[in-house]
Structures are given as C-alpha cells and as structure tokens.
Amino acid sequence: IFITTFIAFFAFSYGPVTWIVLSEIYPTRIRGTAMSIATMSLWITNVLVAQVFPRMNSWSEGGTFFVFGGITIMAFVFVSIFIPETRRKSLEDIEHQLIKPE
C-alpha cells in the first residue's frame, strides 16, 4: 500500500517536474537533441538503480538507504545551486539567463 501511495503522489507532484524543467531549460535550436540525451541518461540511470539496488540491499539494508539518501542530498544541493528558477519567465528570458557573455 505504501509503495502504491508513493507512486501515486510522485506521479502528481515531482514526477512531471523533470520533464517541465528539461523542456524549458534548453534553447529551442538544440531542445530535441538535448531532450533525447537527457531521456537516454534517465533510462540508463533507471536500469542501473534497478540492477544495483537488490544487490546492495542483500549486503546491507540500512546502508543501501544511506547511499541512495546521500545521492539524493547531493542532487538537491546541485539543483539548488546550478539549476535556475524558471517560474514566470519566458523561454527567451531563460535562454538569456543561461547563456553567459564571452
């Protein structure tokens, strides 16, 4: 029941955020290629986690969650520092914000 509840809440909350940010953050001219690479990376990571988790869990149940919890904390820090806020900004504003003058 708890896993089903988690999946339901994830699907209606943070699940779609990845795709929204990806579609907003890339310039129009490279969006298709960049989204393809990001999607491929996502699927490769999903396969790796699906393969690694059962093995890690058989070695140490608590340690597995500390490892994945640590990865989650590092991802949160990375996103907080490097991913810009895109709320109420046009695609052009986002592009100007991300492209640094040379």
PDB file of N, CA and C in Angstrom:
ATOM      1  N   ILE A   1       0.829  -1.197   0.000  1.00  0.00           N
ATOM      2  CA  ILE A   1       0.000   0.000   0.000  1.00  0.00           C
ATOM      3  C   ILE A   1       0.869   1.254   0.000  1.00  0.00           C
ATOM      4  N   PHE A   2       1.958   1.251   0.784  1.00  0.00           N
ATOM      5  CA  PHE A   2       2.792   2.446   0.871  1.00  0.00           C
ATOM      6  C   PHE A   2       3.514   2.739  -0.446  1.00  0.00           C
ATOM      7  N   ILE A   3       3.964   1.707  -1.124  1.00  0.00           N
ATOM      8  CA  ILE A   3       4.640   1.931  -2.403  1.00  0.00           C
ATOM      9  C   ILE A   3       3.659   2.468  -3.435  1.00  0.00           C
ATOM     10  N   THR A   4       2.460   1.936  -3.456  1.00  0.00           N
ATOM     11  CA  THR A   4       1.441   2.429  -4.383  1.00  0.00           C
ATOM     12  C   THR A   4       1.105   3.886  -4.076  1.00  0.00           C
ATOM     13  N   THR A   5       1.011   4.222  -2.806  1.00  0.00           N
ATOM     14  CA  THR A   5       0.746   5.608  -2.404  1.00  0.00           C
ATOM     15  C   THR A   5       1.890   6.515  -2.840  1.00  0.00           C
ATOM     16  N   PHE A   6       3.132   6.066  -2.632  1.00  0.00           N
ATOM     17  CA  PHE A   6       4.288   6.851  -3.053  1.00  0.00           C
ATOM     18  C   PHE A   6       4.251   7.101  -4.559  1.00  0.00           C
ATOM     19  N   ILE A   7       3.996   6.054  -5.331  1.00  0.00           N
ATOM     20  CA  ILE A   7       3.954   6.190  -6.790  1.00  0.00           C
ATOM     21  C   ILE A   7       2.865   7.172  -7.211  1.00  0.00           C
ATOM     22  N   ALA A   8       1.706   7.088  -6.577  1.00  0.00           N
ATOM     23  CA  ALA A   8       0.606   7.998  -6.922  1.00  0.00           C
ATOM     24  C   ALA A   8       0.979   9.444  -6.617  1.00  0.00           C
ATOM     25  N   PHE A   9       1.536   9.697  -5.434  1.00  0.00           N
ATOM     26  CA  PHE A   9       1.904  11.067  -5.085  1.00  0.00           C
ATOM     27  C   PHE A   9       3.057  11.572  -5.949  1.00  0.00           C
ATOM     28  N   PHE A  10       4.012  10.713  -6.250  1.00  0.00           N
ATOM     29  CA  PHE A  10       5.129  11.103  -7.102  1.00  0.00           C
ATOM     30  C   PHE A  10       4.644  11.470  -8.502  1.00  0.00           C
ATOM     31  N   ALA A  11       3.708  10.701  -9.026  1.00  0.00           N
ATOM     32  CA  ALA A  11       3.194  10.947 -10.378  1.00  0.00           C
ATOM     33  C   ALA A  11       2.461  12.279 -10.486  1.00  0.00           C
ATOM     34  N   PHE A  12       1.904  12.751  -9.381  1.00  0.00           N
ATOM     35  CA  PHE A  12       1.162  14.013  -9.416  1.00  0.00           C
ATOM     36  C   PHE A  12       1.937  15.175  -8.813  1.00  0.00           C
ATOM     37  N   SER A  13       3.185  14.945  -8.395  1.00  0.00           N
ATOM     38  CA  SER A  13       3.953  16.035  -7.796  1.00  0.00           C
ATOM     39  C   SER A  13       5.302  16.183  -8.490  1.00  0.00           C
ATOM     40  N   TYR A  14       6.337  15.525  -7.998  1.00  0.00           N
ATOM     41  CA  TYR A  14       7.682  15.716  -8.530  1.00  0.00           C
ATOM     42  C   TYR A  14       7.947  14.982  -9.838  1.00  0.00           C
ATOM     43  N   GLY A  15       7.210  13.966 -10.154  1.00  0.00           N
ATOM     44  CA  GLY A  15       7.437  13.195 -11.376  1.00  0.00           C
ATOM     45  C   GLY A  15       7.464  14.035 -12.639  1.00  0.00           C
ATOM     46  N   PRO A  16       6.457  14.865 -12.882  1.00  0.00           N
ATOM     47  CA  PRO A  16       6.436  15.674 -14.106  1.00  0.00           C
ATOM     48  C   PRO A  16       7.415  16.847 -14.104  1.00  0.00           C
ATOM     49  N   VAL A  17       7.933  17.223 -12.940  1.00  0.00           N
ATOM     50  CA  VAL A  17       8.804  18.397 -12.853  1.00  0.00           C
ATOM     51  C   VAL A  17      10.045  18.224 -13.724  1.00  0.00           C
ATOM     52  N   THR A  18      10.609  17.036 -13.754  1.00  0.00           N
ATOM     53  CA  THR A  18      11.798  16.778 -14.574  1.00  0.00           C
ATOM     54  C   THR A  18      11.552  17.160 -16.023  1.00  0.00           C
ATOM     55  N   TRP A  19      10.430  16.735 -16.556  1.00  0.00           N
ATOM     56  CA  TRP A  19      10.134  16.986 -17.970  1.00  0.00           C
ATOM     57  C   TRP A  19       9.825  18.456 -18.216  1.00  0.00           C
ATOM     58  N   ILE A  20       9.216  19.124 -17.266  1.00  0.00           N
ATOM     59  CA  ILE A  20       8.919  20.552 -17.422  1.00  0.00           C
ATOM     60  C   ILE A  20      10.210  21.356 -17.441  1.00  0.00           C
ATOM     61  N   VAL A  21      11.091  21.085 -16.482  1.00  0.00           N
ATOM     62  CA  VAL A  21      12.360  21.813 -16.426  1.00  0.00           C
ATOM     63  C   VAL A  21      13.192  21.534 -17.674  1.00  0.00           C
ATOM     64  N   LEU A  22      13.262  20.277 -18.092  1.00  0.00           N
ATOM     65  CA  LEU A  22      14.034  19.949 -19.294  1.00  0.00           C
ATOM     66  C   LEU A  22      13.498  20.665 -20.526  1.00  0.00           C
ATOM     67  N   SER A  23      12.191  20.768 -20.643  1.00  0.00           N
ATOM     68  CA  SER A  23      11.628  21.422 -21.828  1.00  0.00           C
ATOM     69  C   SER A  23      11.819  22.932 -21.796  1.00  0.00           C
ATOM     70  N   GLU A  24      12.029  23.508 -20.621  1.00  0.00           N
ATOM     71  CA  GLU A  24      12.207  24.955 -20.517  1.00  0.00           C
ATOM     72  C   GLU A  24      13.663  25.383 -20.559  1.00  0.00           C
ATOM     73  N   ILE A  25      14.563  24.543 -20.122  1.00  0.00           N
ATOM     74  CA  ILE A  25      15.924  24.992 -19.875  1.00  0.00           C
ATOM     75  C   ILE A  25      16.809  24.980 -21.123  1.00  0.00           C
ATOM     76  N   TYR A  26      16.452  24.197 -22.130  1.00  0.00           N
ATOM     77  CA  TYR A  26      17.276  24.126 -23.339  1.00  0.00           C
ATOM     78  C   TYR A  26      16.789  25.118 -24.382  1.00  0.00           C
ATOM     79  N   PRO A  27      17.726  25.758 -25.107  1.00  0.00           N
ATOM     80  CA  PRO A  27      17.326  26.644 -26.202  1.00  0.00           C
ATOM     81  C   PRO A  27      16.586  25.854 -27.286  1.00  0.00           C
ATOM     82  N   THR A  28      15.731  26.530 -28.003  1.00  0.00           N
ATOM     83  CA  THR A  28      14.889  25.876 -28.999  1.00  0.00           C
ATOM     84  C   THR A  28      15.704  25.133 -30.053  1.00  0.00           C
ATOM     85  N   ARG A  29      16.828  25.697 -30.461  1.00  0.00           N
ATOM     86  CA  ARG A  29      17.597  25.097 -31.554  1.00  0.00           C
ATOM     87  C   ARG A  29      18.213  23.749 -31.189  1.00  0.00           C
ATOM     88  N   ILE A  30      18.428  23.469 -29.895  1.00  0.00           N
ATOM     89  CA  ILE A  30      19.018  22.181 -29.502  1.00  0.00           C
ATOM     90  C   ILE A  30      18.087  21.358 -28.614  1.00  0.00           C
ATOM     91  N   ARG A  31      16.880  21.822 -28.432  1.00  0.00           N
ATOM     92  CA  ARG A  31      15.973  21.177 -27.478  1.00  0.00           C
ATOM     93  C   ARG A  31      15.736  19.700 -27.796  1.00  0.00           C
ATOM     94  N   GLY A  32      15.500  19.368 -29.052  1.00  0.00           N
ATOM     95  CA  GLY A  32      15.226  17.976 -29.420  1.00  0.00           C
ATOM     96  C   GLY A  32      16.389  17.050 -29.088  1.00  0.00           C
ATOM     97  N   THR A  33      17.591  17.460 -29.478  1.00  0.00           N
ATOM     98  CA  THR A  33      18.780  16.651 -29.202  1.00  0.00           C
ATOM     99  C   THR A  33      19.042  16.560 -27.705  1.00  0.00           C
ATOM    100  N   ALA A  34      18.947  17.696 -27.022  1.00  0.00           N
ATOM    101  CA  ALA A  34      19.208  17.710 -25.580  1.00  0.00           C
ATOM    102  C   ALA A  34      18.192  16.868 -24.817  1.00  0.00           C
ATOM    103  N   MET A  35      16.939  16.939 -25.211  1.00  0.00           N
ATOM    104  CA  MET A  35      15.914  16.120 -24.550  1.00  0.00           C
ATOM    105  C   MET A  35      16.166  14.637 -24.805  1.00  0.00           C
ATOM    106  N   SER A  36      16.634  14.296 -26.002  1.00  0.00           N
ATOM    107  CA  SER A  36      16.948  12.899 -26.308  1.00  0.00           C
ATOM    108  C   SER A  36      18.077  12.391 -25.424  1.00  0.00           C
ATOM    109  N   ILE A  37      19.124  13.189 -25.277  1.00  0.00           N
ATOM    110  CA  ILE A  37      20.252  12.798 -24.429  1.00  0.00           C
ATOM    111  C   ILE A  37      19.815  12.691 -22.972  1.00  0.00           C
ATOM    112  N   ALA A  38      19.023  13.656 -22.506  1.00  0.00           N
ATOM    113  CA  ALA A  38      18.545  13.621 -21.119  1.00  0.00           C
ATOM    114  C   ALA A  38      17.658  12.405 -20.868  1.00  0.00           C
ATOM    115  N   THR A  39      16.800  12.078 -21.816  1.00  0.00           N
ATOM    116  CA  THR A  39      15.921  10.913 -21.668  1.00  0.00           C
ATOM    117  C   THR A  39      16.730   9.627 -21.659  1.00  0.00           C
ATOM    118  N   MET A  40      17.725   9.538 -22.537  1.00  0.00           N
ATOM    119  CA  MET A  40      18.587   8.357 -22.553  1.00  0.00           C
ATOM    120  C   MET A  40      19.330   8.220 -21.222  1.00  0.00           C
ATOM    121  N   SER A  41      19.840   9.330 -20.696  1.00  0.00           N
ATOM    122  CA  SER A  41      20.529   9.298 -19.403  1.00  0.00           C
ATOM    123  C   SER A  41      19.594   8.851 -18.290  1.00  0.00           C
ATOM    124  N   LEU A  42      18.373   9.324 -18.326  1.00  0.00           N
ATOM    125  CA  LEU A  42      17.383   8.944 -17.317  1.00  0.00           C
ATOM    126  C   LEU A  42      17.114   7.448 -17.355  1.00  0.00           C
ATOM    127  N   TRP A  43      16.929   6.894 -18.544  1.00  0.00           N
ATOM    128  CA  TRP A  43      16.643   5.461 -18.663  1.00  0.00           C
ATOM    129  C   TRP A  43      17.846   4.609 -18.261  1.00  0.00           C
ATOM    130  N   ILE A  44      19.049   5.038 -18.627  1.00  0.00           N
ATOM    131  CA  ILE A  44      20.252   4.298 -18.219  1.00  0.00           C
ATOM    132  C   ILE A  44      20.381   4.300 -16.700  1.00  0.00           C
ATOM    133  N   THR A  45      20.141   5.456 -16.086  1.00  0.00           N
ATOM    134  CA  THR A  45      20.193   5.539 -14.629  1.00  0.00           C
ATOM    135  C   THR A  45      19.130   4.662 -13.991  1.00  0.00           C
ATOM    136  N   ASN A  46      17.933   4.646 -14.545  1.00  0.00           N
ATOM    137  CA  ASN A  46      16.873   3.781 -14.011  1.00  0.00           C
ATOM    138  C   ASN A  46      17.275   2.310 -14.060  1.00  0.00           C
ATOM    139  N   VAL A  47      17.877   1.891 -15.167  1.00  0.00           N
ATOM    140  CA  VAL A  47      18.323   0.497 -15.290  1.00  0.00           C
ATOM    141  C   VAL A  47      19.418   0.200 -14.264  1.00  0.00           C
ATOM    142  N   LEU A  48      20.372   1.118 -14.110  1.00  0.00           N
ATOM    143  CA  LEU A  48      21.440   0.910 -13.131  1.00  0.00           C
ATOM    144  C   LEU A  48      20.896   0.781 -11.712  1.00  0.00           C
ATOM    145  N   VAL A  49      19.986   1.665 -11.341  1.00  0.00           N
ATOM    146  CA  VAL A  49      19.403   1.595  -9.998  1.00  0.00           C
ATOM    147  C   VAL A  49      18.636   0.290  -9.817  1.00  0.00           C
ATOM    148  N   ALA A  50      17.883  -0.111 -10.827  1.00  0.00           N
ATOM    149  CA  ALA A  50      17.119  -1.360 -10.730  1.00  0.00           C
ATOM    150  C   ALA A  50      18.037  -2.572 -10.594  1.00  0.00           C
ATOM    151  N   GLN A  51      19.235  -2.514 -11.186  1.00  0.00           N
ATOM    152  CA  GLN A  51      20.172  -3.627 -11.082  1.00  0.00           C
ATOM    153  C   GLN A  51      20.975  -3.593  -9.779  1.00  0.00           C
ATOM    154  N   VAL A  52      21.346  -2.406  -9.331  1.00  0.00           N
ATOM    155  CA  VAL A  52      22.215  -2.264  -8.165  1.00  0.00           C
ATOM    156  C   VAL A  52      21.451  -2.391  -6.848  1.00  0.00           C
ATOM    157  N   PHE A  53      20.244  -1.866  -6.778  1.00  0.00           N
ATOM    158  CA  PHE A  53      19.509  -1.834  -5.513  1.00  0.00           C
ATOM    159  C   PHE A  53      19.335  -3.209  -4.874  1.00  0.00           C
ATOM    160  N   PRO A  54      18.871  -4.234  -5.584  1.00  0.00           N
ATOM    161  CA  PRO A  54      18.699  -5.538  -4.918  1.00  0.00           C
ATOM    162  C   PRO A  54      20.011  -6.112  -4.378  1.00  0.00           C
ATOM    163  N   ARG A  55      21.098  -5.925  -5.119  1.00  0.00           N
ATOM    164  CA  ARG A  55      22.397  -6.429  -4.653  1.00  0.00           C
ATOM    165  C   ARG A  55      22.849  -5.689  -3.401  1.00  0.00           C
ATOM    166  N   MET A  56      22.734  -4.362  -3.430  1.00  0.00           N
ATOM    167  CA  MET A  56      23.121  -3.576  -2.255  1.00  0.00           C
ATOM    168  C   MET A  56      22.244  -3.918  -1.061  1.00  0.00           C
ATOM    169  N   ASN A  57      20.973  -4.098  -1.302  1.00  0.00           N
ATOM    170  CA  ASN A  57      20.034  -4.391  -0.223  1.00  0.00           C
ATOM    171  C   ASN A  57      20.326  -5.751   0.413  1.00  0.00           C
ATOM    172  N   SER A  58      20.826  -6.708  -0.365  1.00  0.00           N
ATOM    173  CA  SER A  58      21.168  -8.010   0.206  1.00  0.00           C
ATOM    174  C   SER A  58      22.426  -7.924   1.069  1.00  0.00           C
ATOM    175  N   TRP A  59      23.308  -6.970   0.790  1.00  0.00           N
ATOM    176  CA  TRP A  59      24.511  -6.797   1.594  1.00  0.00           C
ATOM    177  C   TRP A  59      24.214  -6.052   2.890  1.00  0.00           C
ATOM    178  N   SER A  60      23.420  -4.982   2.778  1.00  0.00           N
ATOM    179  CA  SER A  60      23.147  -4.153   3.952  1.00  0.00           C
ATOM    180  C   SER A  60      21.892  -3.331   3.690  1.00  0.00           C
ATOM    181  N   GLU A  61      20.829  -3.662   4.396  1.00  0.00           N
ATOM    182  CA  GLU A  61      19.567  -2.945   4.161  1.00  0.00           C
ATOM    183  C   GLU A  61      19.683  -1.473   4.522  1.00  0.00           C
ATOM    184  N   GLY A  62      20.207  -1.171   5.694  1.00  0.00           N
ATOM    185  CA  GLY A  62      20.321   0.226   6.112  1.00  0.00           C
ATOM    186  C   GLY A  62      21.317   1.003   5.282  1.00  0.00           C
ATOM    187  N   GLY A  63      22.435   0.365   4.941  1.00  0.00           N
ATOM    188  CA  GLY A  63      23.464   1.032   4.153  1.00  0.00           C
ATOM    189  C   GLY A  63      22.972   1.442   2.780  1.00  0.00           C
ATOM    190  N   THR A  64      22.124   0.622   2.204  1.00  0.00           N
ATOM    191  CA  THR A  64      21.565   0.930   0.887  1.00  0.00           C
ATOM    192  C   THR A  64      20.821   2.255   0.920  1.00  0.00           C
ATOM    193  N   PHE A  65      20.018   2.448   1.931  1.00  0.00           N
ATOM    194  CA  PHE A  65      19.231   3.675   2.006  1.00  0.00           C
ATOM    195  C   PHE A  65      20.099   4.877   2.352  1.00  0.00           C
ATOM    196  N   PHE A  66      21.186   4.666   3.103  1.00  0.00           N
ATOM    197  CA  PHE A  66      22.113   5.767   3.346  1.00  0.00           C
ATOM    198  C   PHE A  66      22.811   6.189   2.053  1.00  0.00           C
ATOM    199  N   VAL A  67      23.192   5.223   1.225  1.00  0.00           N
ATOM    200  CA  VAL A  67      23.842   5.544  -0.051  1.00  0.00           C
ATOM    201  C   VAL A  67      22.889   6.329  -0.946  1.00  0.00           C
ATOM    202  N   PHE A  68      21.682   5.807  -1.140  1.00  0.00           N
ATOM    203  CA  PHE A  68      20.733   6.500  -2.012  1.00  0.00           C
ATOM    204  C   PHE A  68      20.257   7.813  -1.386  1.00  0.00           C
ATOM    205  N   GLY A  69      20.170   7.872  -0.072  1.00  0.00           N
ATOM    206  CA  GLY A  69      19.842   9.133   0.599  1.00  0.00           C
ATOM    207  C   GLY A  69      20.932  10.168   0.390  1.00  0.00           C
ATOM    208  N   GLY A  70      22.199   9.734   0.465  1.00  0.00           N
ATOM    209  CA  GLY A  70      23.322  10.642   0.213  1.00  0.00           C
ATOM    210  C   GLY A  70      23.321  11.167  -1.213  1.00  0.00           C
ATOM    211  N   ILE A  71      23.026  10.288  -2.153  1.00  0.00           N
ATOM    212  CA  ILE A  71      22.931  10.713  -3.553  1.00  0.00           C
ATOM    213  C   ILE A  71      21.809  11.735  -3.721  1.00  0.00           C
ATOM    214  N   THR A  72      20.697  11.508  -3.045  1.00  0.00           N
ATOM    215  CA  THR A  72      19.574  12.441  -3.118  1.00  0.00           C
ATOM    216  C   THR A  72      19.949  13.796  -2.538  1.00  0.00           C
ATOM    217  N   ILE A  73      20.668  13.806  -1.424  1.00  0.00           N
ATOM    218  CA  ILE A  73      21.098  15.074  -0.817  1.00  0.00           C
ATOM    219  C   ILE A  73      22.055  15.810  -1.750  1.00  0.00           C
ATOM    220  N   MET A  74      22.998  15.077  -2.357  1.00  0.00           N
ATOM    221  CA  MET A  74      23.916  15.717  -3.309  1.00  0.00           C
ATOM    222  C   MET A  74      23.161  16.281  -4.511  1.00  0.00           C
ATOM    223  N   ALA A  75      22.165  15.564  -4.996  1.00  0.00           N
ATOM    224  CA  ALA A  75      21.367  16.057  -6.121  1.00  0.00           C
ATOM    225  C   ALA A  75      20.598  17.312  -5.726  1.00  0.00           C
ATOM    226  N   PHE A  76      20.056  17.335  -4.511  1.00  0.00           N
ATOM    227  CA  PHE A  76      19.333  18.515  -4.028  1.00  0.00           C
ATOM    228  C   PHE A  76      20.259  19.731  -3.982  1.00  0.00           C
ATOM    229  N   VAL A  77      21.467  19.549  -3.458  1.00  0.00           N
ATOM    230  CA  VAL A  77      22.426  20.655  -3.391  1.00  0.00           C
ATOM    231  C   VAL A  77      22.793  21.125  -4.799  1.00  0.00           C
ATOM    232  N   PHE A  78      23.042  20.188  -5.711  1.00  0.00           N
ATOM    233  CA  PHE A  78      23.378  20.539  -7.092  1.00  0.00           C
ATOM    234  C   PHE A  78      22.263  21.353  -7.739  1.00  0.00           C
ATOM    235  N   VAL A  79      21.033  20.871  -7.616  1.00  0.00           N
ATOM    236  CA  VAL A  79      19.892  21.568  -8.222  1.00  0.00           C
ATOM    237  C   VAL A  79      19.714  22.941  -7.587  1.00  0.00           C
ATOM    238  N   SER A  80      19.861  23.027  -6.277  1.00  0.00           N
ATOM    239  CA  SER A  80      19.698  24.310  -5.587  1.00  0.00           C
ATOM    240  C   SER A  80      20.716  25.340  -6.053  1.00  0.00           C
ATOM    241  N   ILE A  81      21.922  24.893  -6.367  1.00  0.00           N
ATOM    242  CA  ILE A  81      22.986  25.819  -6.750  1.00  0.00           C
ATOM    243  C   ILE A  81      22.985  26.120  -8.251  1.00  0.00           C
ATOM    244  N   PHE A  82      22.812  25.096  -9.095  1.00  0.00           N
ATOM    245  CA  PHE A  82      23.074  25.255 -10.518  1.00  0.00           C
ATOM    246  C   PHE A  82      21.847  25.362 -11.417  1.00  0.00           C
ATOM    247  N   ILE A  83      20.685  24.918 -10.989  1.00  0.00           N
ATOM    248  CA  ILE A  83      19.505  24.969 -11.849  1.00  0.00           C
ATOM    249  C   ILE A  83      18.729  26.248 -11.537  1.00  0.00           C
ATOM    250  N   PRO A  84      18.559  27.133 -12.520  1.00  0.00           N
ATOM    251  CA  PRO A  84      17.895  28.409 -12.253  1.00  0.00           C
ATOM    252  C   PRO A  84      16.380  28.252 -12.106  1.00  0.00           C
ATOM    253  N   GLU A  85      15.797  29.177 -11.392  1.00  0.00           N
ATOM    254  CA  GLU A  85      14.335  29.228 -11.260  1.00  0.00           C
ATOM    255  C   GLU A  85      13.759  29.705 -12.587  1.00  0.00           C
ATOM    256  N   THR A  86      12.754  29.012 -13.089  1.00  0.00           N
ATOM    257  CA  THR A  86      12.162  29.370 -14.382  1.00  0.00           C
ATOM    258  C   THR A  86      10.715  29.825 -14.259  1.00  0.00           C
ATOM    259  N   ARG A  87      10.226  29.927 -13.056  1.00  0.00           N
ATOM    260  CA  ARG A  87       8.831  30.324 -12.861  1.00  0.00           C
ATOM    261  C   ARG A  87       8.600  31.748 -13.368  1.00  0.00           C
ATOM    262  N   ARG A  88       7.531  31.917 -14.126  1.00  0.00           N
ATOM    263  CA  ARG A  88       7.079  33.209 -14.663  1.00  0.00           C
ATOM    264  C   ARG A  88       8.123  33.878 -15.565  1.00  0.00           C
ATOM    265  N   LYS A  89       8.922  33.071 -16.261  1.00  0.00           N
ATOM    266  CA  LYS A  89       9.890  33.611 -17.209  1.00  0.00           C
ATOM    267  C   LYS A  89       9.603  33.024 -18.581  1.00  0.00           C
ATOM    268  N   SER A  90       9.806  33.846 -19.595  1.00  0.00           N
ATOM    269  CA  SER A  90       9.616  33.348 -20.959  1.00  0.00           C
ATOM    270  C   SER A  90      10.828  32.504 -21.349  1.00  0.00           C
ATOM    271  N   LEU A  91      10.671  31.733 -22.420  1.00  0.00           N
ATOM    272  CA  LEU A  91      11.793  30.917 -22.891  1.00  0.00           C
ATOM    273  C   LEU A  91      12.988  31.787 -23.276  1.00  0.00           C
ATOM    274  N   GLU A  92      12.723  32.964 -23.820  1.00  0.00           N
ATOM    275  CA  GLU A  92      13.797  33.873 -24.203  1.00  0.00           C
ATOM    276  C   GLU A  92      14.537  34.387 -22.971  1.00  0.00           C
ATOM    277  N   ASP A  93      13.792  34.726 -21.910  1.00  0.00           N
ATOM    278  CA  ASP A  93      14.431  35.177 -20.669  1.00  0.00           C
ATOM    279  C   ASP A  93      15.310  34.086 -20.070  1.00  0.00           C
ATOM    280  N   ILE A  94      14.823  32.868 -20.098  1.00  0.00           N
ATOM    281  CA  ILE A  94      15.599  31.743 -19.564  1.00  0.00           C
ATOM    282  C   ILE A  94      16.871  31.550 -20.382  1.00  0.00           C
ATOM    283  N   GLU A  95      16.747  31.638 -21.706  1.00  0.00           N
ATOM    284  CA  GLU A  95      17.918  31.466 -22.568  1.00  0.00           C
ATOM    285  C   GLU A  95      18.956  32.544 -22.295  1.00  0.00           C
ATOM    286  N   HIS A  96      18.524  33.800 -22.141  1.00  0.00           N
ATOM    287  CA  HIS A  96      19.458  34.890 -21.846  1.00  0.00           C
ATOM    288  C   HIS A  96      20.112  34.691 -20.484  1.00  0.00           C
ATOM    289  N   GLN A  97      19.376  34.153 -19.534  1.00  0.00           N
ATOM    290  CA  GLN A  97      19.918  33.915 -18.199  1.00  0.00           C
ATOM    291  C   GLN A  97      20.978  32.809 -18.222  1.00  0.00           C
ATOM    292  N   LEU A  98      20.784  31.798 -19.052  1.00  0.00           N
ATOM    293  CA  LEU A  98      21.699  30.659 -19.073  1.00  0.00           C
ATOM    294  C   LEU A  98      22.927  30.877 -19.940  1.00  0.00           C
ATOM    295  N   ILE A  99      22.810  31.721 -20.966  1.00  0.00           N
ATOM    296  CA  ILE A  99      23.948  31.964 -21.853  1.00  0.00           C
ATOM    297  C   ILE A  99      24.795  33.065 -21.249  1.00  0.00           C
ATOM    298  N   LYS A 100      26.029  32.719 -20.940  1.00  0.00           N
ATOM    299  CA  LYS A 100      26.930  33.689 -20.328  1.00  0.00           C
ATOM    300  C   LYS A 100      27.689  34.436 -21.429  1.00  0.00           C
ATOM    301  N   PRO A 101      27.804  35.767 -21.305  1.00  0.00           N
ATOM    302  CA  PRO A 101      28.553  36.522 -22.314  1.00  0.00           C
ATOM    303  C   PRO A 101      30.033  36.136 -22.282  1.00  0.00           C
ATOM    304  N   GLU A 102      30.640  36.110 -23.458  1.00  0.00           N
ATOM    305  CA  GLU A 102      32.058  35.706 -23.542  1.00  0.00           C
ATOM    306  C   GLU A 102      32.967  36.887 -23.406  1.00  0.00           C
TER     307      GLU A 102
END
